[in-house]
C-alpha atoms as a PDB file:
ATOM      1  CA  MET A   1      44.409  31.492  28.531  1.00  0.00           C
ATOM      2  CA  LYS A   2      42.386  30.494  25.486  1.00  0.00           C
ATOM      3  CA  PRO A   3      40.281  27.317  25.683  1.00  0.00           C
ATOM      4  CA  SER A   4      42.327  25.773  22.872  1.00  0.00           C
ATOM      5  CA  ALA A   5      45.549  26.223  24.862  1.00  0.00           C
ATOM      6  CA  VAL A   6      44.070  24.463  27.906  1.00  0.00           C
ATOM      7  CA  GLN A   7      42.753  21.601  25.767  1.00  0.00           C
ATOM      8  CA  ASN A   8      46.101  21.280  23.981  1.00  0.00           C
ATOM      9  CA  ARG A   9      48.110  21.082  27.199  1.00  0.00           C
ATOM     10  CA  ILE A  10      45.814  18.495  28.774  1.00  0.00           C
ATOM     11  CA  GLY A  11      45.533  16.579  25.487  1.00  0.00           C
ATOM     12  CA  GLN A  12      49.293  16.467  24.934  1.00  0.00           C
ATOM     13  CA  HIS A  13      49.804  15.124  28.442  1.00  0.00           C
ATOM     14  CA  LEU A  14      47.044  12.556  27.905  1.00  0.00           C
ATOM     15  CA  VAL A  15      48.654  11.279  24.682  1.00  0.00           C
ATOM     16  CA  GLY A  16      51.739  10.438  26.752  1.00  0.00           C
ATOM     17  CA  LEU A  17      49.744   7.587  28.284  1.00  0.00           C
ATOM     18  CA  GLY A  18      50.214   5.669  25.024  1.00  0.00           C
ATOM     19  CA  LYS A  19      46.543   5.027  24.188  1.00  0.00           C
ATOM     20  CA  SER A  20      44.573   6.307  21.192  1.00  0.00           C
ATOM     21  CA  VAL A  21      42.740   9.546  21.956  1.00  0.00           C
ATOM     22  CA  VAL A  22      39.687  10.928  20.158  1.00  0.00           C
ATOM     23  CA  PHE A  23      39.623  14.727  20.461  1.00  0.00           C
ATOM     24  CA  PRO A  24      36.612  17.084  20.351  1.00  0.00           C
ATOM     25  CA  ASN A  25      35.373  17.930  16.840  1.00  0.00           C
ATOM     26  CA  LYS A  26      38.037  15.787  15.166  1.00  0.00           C
ATOM     27  CA  SER A  27      36.685  13.132  12.845  1.00  0.00           C
ATOM     28  CA  GLY A  28      38.509  10.021  11.808  1.00  0.00           C
ATOM     29  CA  PRO A  29      38.297   6.257  12.075  1.00  0.00           C
ATOM     30  CA  ILE A  30      37.275   4.879  15.452  1.00  0.00           C
ATOM     31  CA  PRO A  31      40.358   3.358  17.111  1.00  0.00           C
ATOM     32  CA  ALA A  32      40.532  -0.155  18.493  1.00  0.00           C
ATOM     33  CA  LYS A  33      39.300  -0.529  22.062  1.00  0.00           C
ATOM     34  CA  PRO A  34      40.298   0.470  24.601  1.00  0.00           C
ATOM     35  CA  TYR A  35      40.657   4.123  23.639  1.00  0.00           C
ATOM     36  CA  LEU A  36      40.086   7.524  25.242  1.00  0.00           C
ATOM     37  CA  VAL A  37      37.621  10.267  24.309  1.00  0.00           C
ATOM     38  CA  MET A  38      38.470  13.784  25.476  1.00  0.00           C
ATOM     39  CA  GLN A  39      35.378  15.955  26.010  1.00  0.00           C
ATOM     40  CA  ASN A  40      34.961  19.595  26.939  1.00  0.00           C
ATOM     41  CA  ARG A  41      33.006  19.770  30.172  1.00  0.00           C
ATOM     42  CA  SER A  42      32.937  23.234  31.762  1.00  0.00           C
ATOM     43  CA  ARG A  43      34.809  26.507  31.813  1.00  0.00           C
ATOM     44  CA  THR A  44      34.476  29.788  33.716  1.00  0.00           C
ATOM     45  CA  ASP A  45      36.504  32.933  33.116  1.00  0.00           C
ATOM     46  CA  VAL A  46      37.065  35.122  36.173  1.00  0.00           C
ATOM     47  CA  ASP A  47      38.030  38.767  35.706  1.00  0.00           C
ATOM     48  CA  GLY A  48      39.959  39.915  38.750  1.00  0.00           C
ATOM     49  CA  ALA A  49      40.299  43.546  37.626  1.00  0.00           C
ATOM     50  CA  LEU A  50      37.761  44.978  40.097  1.00  0.00           C
ATOM     51  CA  ALA A  51      39.507  43.258  42.989  1.00  0.00           C
ATOM     52  CA  GLY A  52      42.911  44.431  41.759  1.00  0.00           C
ATOM     53  CA  GLY A  53      43.971  40.944  40.751  1.00  0.00           C
ATOM     54  CA  LYS A  54      44.719  39.010  37.631  1.00  0.00           C
ATOM     55  CA  GLY A  55      42.046  37.126  35.704  1.00  0.00           C
ATOM     56  CA  TYR A  56      42.029  33.374  35.399  1.00  0.00           C
ATOM     57  CA  SER A  57      40.000  30.499  33.984  1.00  0.00           C
ATOM     58  CA  GLU A  58      38.870  27.340  35.705  1.00  0.00           C
ATOM     59  CA  GLY A  59      36.992  24.306  34.547  1.00  0.00           C
ATOM     60  CA  SER A  60      37.134  20.610  33.867  1.00  0.00           C
ATOM     61  CA  GLN A  61      37.739  18.179  31.046  1.00  0.00           C
ATOM     62  CA  ALA A  62      36.207  14.743  30.826  1.00  0.00           C
ATOM     63  CA  VAL A  63      38.234  11.838  29.523  1.00  0.00           C
ATOM     64  CA  VAL A  64      36.056   8.812  28.827  1.00  0.00           C
ATOM     65  CA  VAL A  65      37.667   5.384  28.693  1.00  0.00           C
ATOM     66  CA  VAL A  66      35.906   3.281  26.053  1.00  0.00           C
ATOM     67  CA  GLY A  67      36.306  -0.463  26.576  1.00  0.00           C
ATOM     68  CA  GLU A  68      34.836  -3.680  25.269  1.00  0.00           C
ATOM     69  CA  LEU A  69      31.217  -4.522  26.058  1.00  0.00           C
ATOM     70  CA  ASN A  70      30.619  -7.735  28.046  1.00  0.00           C
ATOM     71  CA  ALA A  71      34.303  -8.143  28.857  1.00  0.00           C
ATOM     72  CA  PHE A  72      34.175  -7.327  32.593  1.00  0.00           C
ATOM     73  CA  ALA A  73      34.948  -3.832  33.847  1.00  0.00           C
ATOM     74  CA  THR A  74      38.482  -4.501  35.032  1.00  0.00           C
ATOM     75  CA  ALA A  75      40.495  -3.306  32.011  1.00  0.00           C
ATOM     76  CA  ALA A  76      38.451  -0.121  31.545  1.00  0.00           C
ATOM     77  CA  ASP A  77      38.521   0.659  35.272  1.00  0.00           C
ATOM     78  CA  ASP A  78      42.299   0.123  35.430  1.00  0.00           C
ATOM     79  CA  LEU A  79      42.823   2.409  32.439  1.00  0.00           C
ATOM     80  CA  ALA A  80      40.577   5.057  34.009  1.00  0.00           C
ATOM     81  CA  TYR A  81      42.724   4.976  37.159  1.00  0.00           C
ATOM     82  CA  ALA A  82      45.863   5.274  34.991  1.00  0.00           C
ATOM     83  CA  VAL A  83      44.360   8.429  33.437  1.00  0.00           C
ATOM     84  CA  LYS A  84      43.585   9.771  36.927  1.00  0.00           C
ATOM     85  CA  GLU A  85      47.131   9.063  38.110  1.00  0.00           C
ATOM     86  CA  ARG A  86      48.520  10.881  35.056  1.00  0.00           C
ATOM     87  CA  PHE A  87      46.862  14.105  36.326  1.00  0.00           C
ATOM     88  CA  PRO A  88      47.803  14.419  40.019  1.00  0.00           C
ATOM     89  CA  LYS A  89      46.801  17.424  42.087  1.00  0.00           C
ATOM     90  CA  ALA A  90      49.124  20.437  41.550  1.00  0.00           C
ATOM     91  CA  LEU A  91      50.561  19.088  38.252  1.00  0.00           C
ATOM     92  CA  ARG A  92      51.621  22.076  36.129  1.00  0.00           C
ATOM     93  CA  LEU A  93      51.240  21.945  32.370  1.00  0.00           C
ATOM     94  CA  GLY A  94      52.462  25.348  31.235  1.00  0.00           C
ATOM     95  CA  GLY A  95      49.924  27.869  32.535  1.00  0.00           C
ATOM     96  CA  VAL A  96      47.472  25.104  33.489  1.00  0.00           C
ATOM     97  CA  THR A  97      47.465  23.660  37.014  1.00  0.00           C
ATOM     98  CA  ILE A  98      45.550  20.479  37.734  1.00  0.00           C
ATOM     99  CA  ARG A  99      43.296  20.741  40.796  1.00  0.00           C
ATOM    100  CA  GLY A 100      42.611  17.026  40.859  1.00  0.00           C
ATOM    101  CA  ALA A 101      41.123  14.150  38.918  1.00  0.00           C
ATOM    102  CA  SER A 102      38.411  11.646  39.818  1.00  0.00           C
ATOM    103  CA  VAL A 103      37.100   8.429  38.314  1.00  0.00           C
ATOM    104  CA  GLN A 104      33.325   8.264  37.924  1.00  0.00           C
ATOM    105  CA  GLY A 105      31.120   5.188  37.791  1.00  0.00           C
ATOM    106  CA  GLY A 106      31.253   3.139  34.625  1.00  0.00           C
ATOM    107  CA  TYR A 107      28.240   2.462  32.414  1.00  0.00           C
ATOM    108  CA  THR A 108      27.319   0.404  29.370  1.00  0.00           C
ATOM    109  CA  THR A 109      26.072   1.591  26.006  1.00  0.00           C
ATOM    110  CA  GLU A 110      24.797  -0.580  23.157  1.00  0.00           C
ATOM    111  CA  THR A 111      28.359  -1.000  21.851  1.00  0.00           C
ATOM    112  CA  ASP A 112      30.823  -0.586  24.726  1.00  0.00           C
ATOM    113  CA  TYR A 113      31.594  -0.003  28.396  1.00  0.00           C
ATOM    114  CA  ARG A 114      32.602   3.552  29.405  1.00  0.00           C
ATOM    115  CA  VAL A 115      34.305   5.005  32.457  1.00  0.00           C
ATOM    116  CA  PRO A 116      34.544   8.815  32.747  1.00  0.00           C
ATOM    117  CA  VAL A 117      37.466  10.573  34.416  1.00  0.00           C
ATOM    118  CA  ILE A 118      36.968  14.229  35.376  1.00  0.00           C
ATOM    119  CA  ILE A 119      40.056  16.470  35.378  1.00  0.00           C
ATOM    120  CA  ASP A 120      39.621  19.798  37.206  1.00  0.00           C
ATOM    121  CA  TRP A 121      42.006  22.616  36.252  1.00  0.00           C
ATOM    122  CA  ILE A 122      42.801  26.299  36.712  1.00  0.00           C
ATOM    123  CA  ALA A 123      44.685  28.428  34.174  1.00  0.00           C
ATOM    124  CA  THR A 124      46.252  31.874  34.253  1.00  0.00           C
END
């Protein structure tokens, strides 16, 4: 499966959460906080031909929750957990199967508070 197809399937499912999403290499005005930033993280293509099997791809996407700075972590953390719950283990999105999702530790920047969510996937 092409990288764009994986990103599209995960991105379309993410949009269903009802929050603004900033996609990779897509410029536009910065949405009001809180919003989500989808980032490409890793990808490996496995060719199963020598073992007599079918090839597949596996990797992960990062979705970063961007919240208000100096406004406690609660809202951003809750939204990060909502993103995680939107991608449960074994969820199928076309040819993409979610292996799991995890919320990482939040951190501050000069302008906001961010909480990454890592979504692990496999695609055939």
